[in-house]
Amino acid sequence: MAAGDPVSWVLIEPGWRVVDADGEDVGKVKEVTGDENADIFDGLAIGQGILSKELYVTSEQVGEIVEGTVTLKLSRAEVDALPAFAEPADEEQILPESSTWYQRLAWWLAGRNR
């Protein structure tokens, strides 16, 4: 495991080292998913090389987080079997109750025409 004091998930940055449960390098952080405002950590996209697909690690699979290093609760074989990362869906916009029927219709039509 990495030395140092644990830090919050909100401090994780792209480029941080990712290691498996044995402390062996398994990639680098590419993206952090979650909602900082609600303090909800969903997971990480990790890259293992230029030509490899980014893999998705759920927050439950993340162990210790220290400055510059994320340690996973997974073995190397489990990391290699992770699913490919898919971009999160855009957030749904909620219209205020005071919207008029034609504003709601316009939003609905705009969503249907995407």
Protein backbone atom coordinates (compact mmCIF):
# COMPACT_ATOMS: atom_id res chain seq x y z
CA MET A 1 0.00 0.00 0.00
CA ALA A 2 1.02 3.56 -0.54
CA ALA A 3 2.46 5.59 2.30
CA GLY A 4 0.83 8.80 3.41
CA ASP A 5 -2.37 10.10 4.91
CA PRO A 6 -5.68 9.11 3.28
CA VAL A 7 -7.45 11.83 1.29
CA SER A 8 -11.01 12.34 0.02
CA TRP A 9 -12.13 11.07 -3.37
CA VAL A 10 -12.75 14.67 -4.49
CA LEU A 11 -8.98 15.24 -4.56
CA ILE A 12 -8.33 12.44 -7.08
CA GLU A 13 -6.96 13.86 -10.33
CA PRO A 14 -6.35 12.42 -13.79
CA GLY A 15 -2.86 10.96 -13.97
CA TRP A 16 -2.81 9.57 -10.44
CA ARG A 17 -1.34 6.09 -10.16
CA VAL A 18 -3.75 3.16 -9.68
CA VAL A 19 -2.51 0.00 -7.98
CA ASP A 20 -4.13 -3.38 -7.30
CA ALA A 21 -4.63 -4.93 -3.85
CA ASP A 22 -1.02 -6.20 -3.95
CA GLY A 23 0.37 -2.72 -4.67
CA GLU A 24 1.23 -3.44 -8.31
CA ASP A 25 0.62 -0.73 -10.93
CA VAL A 26 -2.51 -1.36 -13.00
CA GLY A 27 -2.97 2.03 -14.69
CA LYS A 28 -3.61 5.72 -14.28
CA VAL A 29 -6.75 7.65 -13.39
CA LYS A 30 -8.37 9.07 -16.54
CA GLU A 31 -11.64 10.37 -15.08
CA VAL A 32 -13.47 10.52 -11.74
CA THR A 33 -17.24 10.12 -11.74
CA GLY A 34 -19.54 11.36 -9.02
CA ASP A 35 -21.29 14.39 -7.64
CA GLU A 36 -19.04 16.59 -5.52
CA ASN A 37 -21.98 18.74 -4.34
CA ALA A 38 -23.78 15.71 -2.89
CA ASP A 39 -20.49 13.95 -1.95
CA ILE A 40 -21.40 10.89 -4.02
CA PHE A 41 -18.42 8.99 -5.45
CA ASP A 42 -19.46 6.68 -8.29
CA GLY A 43 -16.10 5.42 -9.52
CA LEU A 44 -13.08 5.87 -11.75
CA ALA A 45 -12.10 5.42 -15.36
CA ILE A 46 -8.58 4.03 -15.52
CA GLY A 47 -6.29 3.70 -18.50
CA GLN A 48 -3.69 0.99 -18.87
CA GLY A 49 -1.98 2.28 -21.98
CA ILE A 50 -2.39 4.30 -25.14
CA LEU A 51 -4.06 1.55 -27.16
CA SER A 52 -6.14 0.01 -24.38
CA LYS A 53 -9.75 0.82 -23.55
CA GLU A 54 -10.44 2.73 -20.36
CA LEU A 55 -11.81 0.47 -17.63
CA TYR A 56 -14.47 1.36 -15.08
CA VAL A 57 -13.87 0.82 -11.35
CA THR A 58 -16.88 1.33 -9.06
CA SER A 59 -16.41 3.23 -5.81
CA GLU A 60 -16.99 -0.01 -3.86
CA GLN A 61 -13.88 -1.46 -5.51
CA VAL A 62 -11.68 1.45 -4.40
CA GLY A 63 -9.68 0.95 -1.22
CA GLU A 64 -7.26 3.51 0.16
CA ILE A 65 -6.77 6.90 -1.50
CA VAL A 66 -3.59 8.81 -0.72
CA GLU A 67 -2.06 11.80 -2.49
CA GLY A 68 -1.14 10.59 -6.00
CA THR A 69 -2.21 6.94 -5.60
CA VAL A 70 -5.49 5.03 -5.60
CA THR A 71 -5.37 1.49 -4.24
CA LEU A 72 -8.04 -0.92 -5.43
CA LYS A 73 -9.54 -3.84 -3.51
CA LEU A 74 -9.04 -5.99 -6.61
CA SER A 75 -6.41 -8.44 -7.83
CA ARG A 76 -4.67 -7.89 -11.17
CA ALA A 77 -6.90 -10.53 -12.79
CA GLU A 78 -10.03 -8.81 -11.46
CA VAL A 79 -8.80 -5.46 -12.82
CA ASP A 80 -8.19 -7.01 -16.25
CA ALA A 81 -11.80 -8.31 -16.21
CA LEU A 82 -13.37 -4.90 -15.47
CA PRO A 83 -15.93 -3.50 -17.95
CA ALA A 84 -15.03 -0.72 -20.37
CA PHE A 85 -15.76 2.81 -19.18
CA ALA A 86 -18.80 4.51 -20.73
CA GLU A 87 -19.40 8.24 -20.39
CA PRO A 88 -22.15 9.00 -17.86
CA ALA A 89 -25.48 10.10 -19.32
CA ASP A 90 -26.26 13.80 -19.39
CA GLU A 91 -28.20 14.98 -16.40
CA GLU A 92 -31.92 15.33 -16.93
CA GLN A 93 -33.15 18.89 -16.66
CA ILE A 94 -36.15 19.38 -14.41
CA LEU A 95 -38.54 22.12 -15.34
CA PRO A 96 -39.92 24.34 -12.61
CA GLU A 97 -43.57 23.89 -11.70
CA SER A 98 -44.22 27.44 -12.86
CA SER A 99 -43.38 26.56 -16.48
CA THR A 100 -46.15 27.19 -18.97
CA TRP A 101 -47.56 24.39 -21.07
CA TYR A 102 -45.84 25.73 -24.20
CA GLN A 103 -42.45 25.88 -22.41
CA ARG A 104 -42.91 22.26 -21.36
CA LEU A 105 -43.92 21.32 -24.90
CA ALA A 106 -40.84 23.05 -26.31
CA TRP A 107 -38.57 21.18 -23.86
CA TRP A 108 -40.29 17.89 -24.68
CA LEU A 109 -39.95 18.47 -28.44
CA ALA A 110 -36.31 19.51 -28.06
CA GLY A 111 -35.60 16.26 -26.21
CA ARG A 112 -37.36 14.17 -28.85
CA ASN A 113 -35.41 15.74 -31.71
CA ARG A 114 -31.95 14.91 -30.34
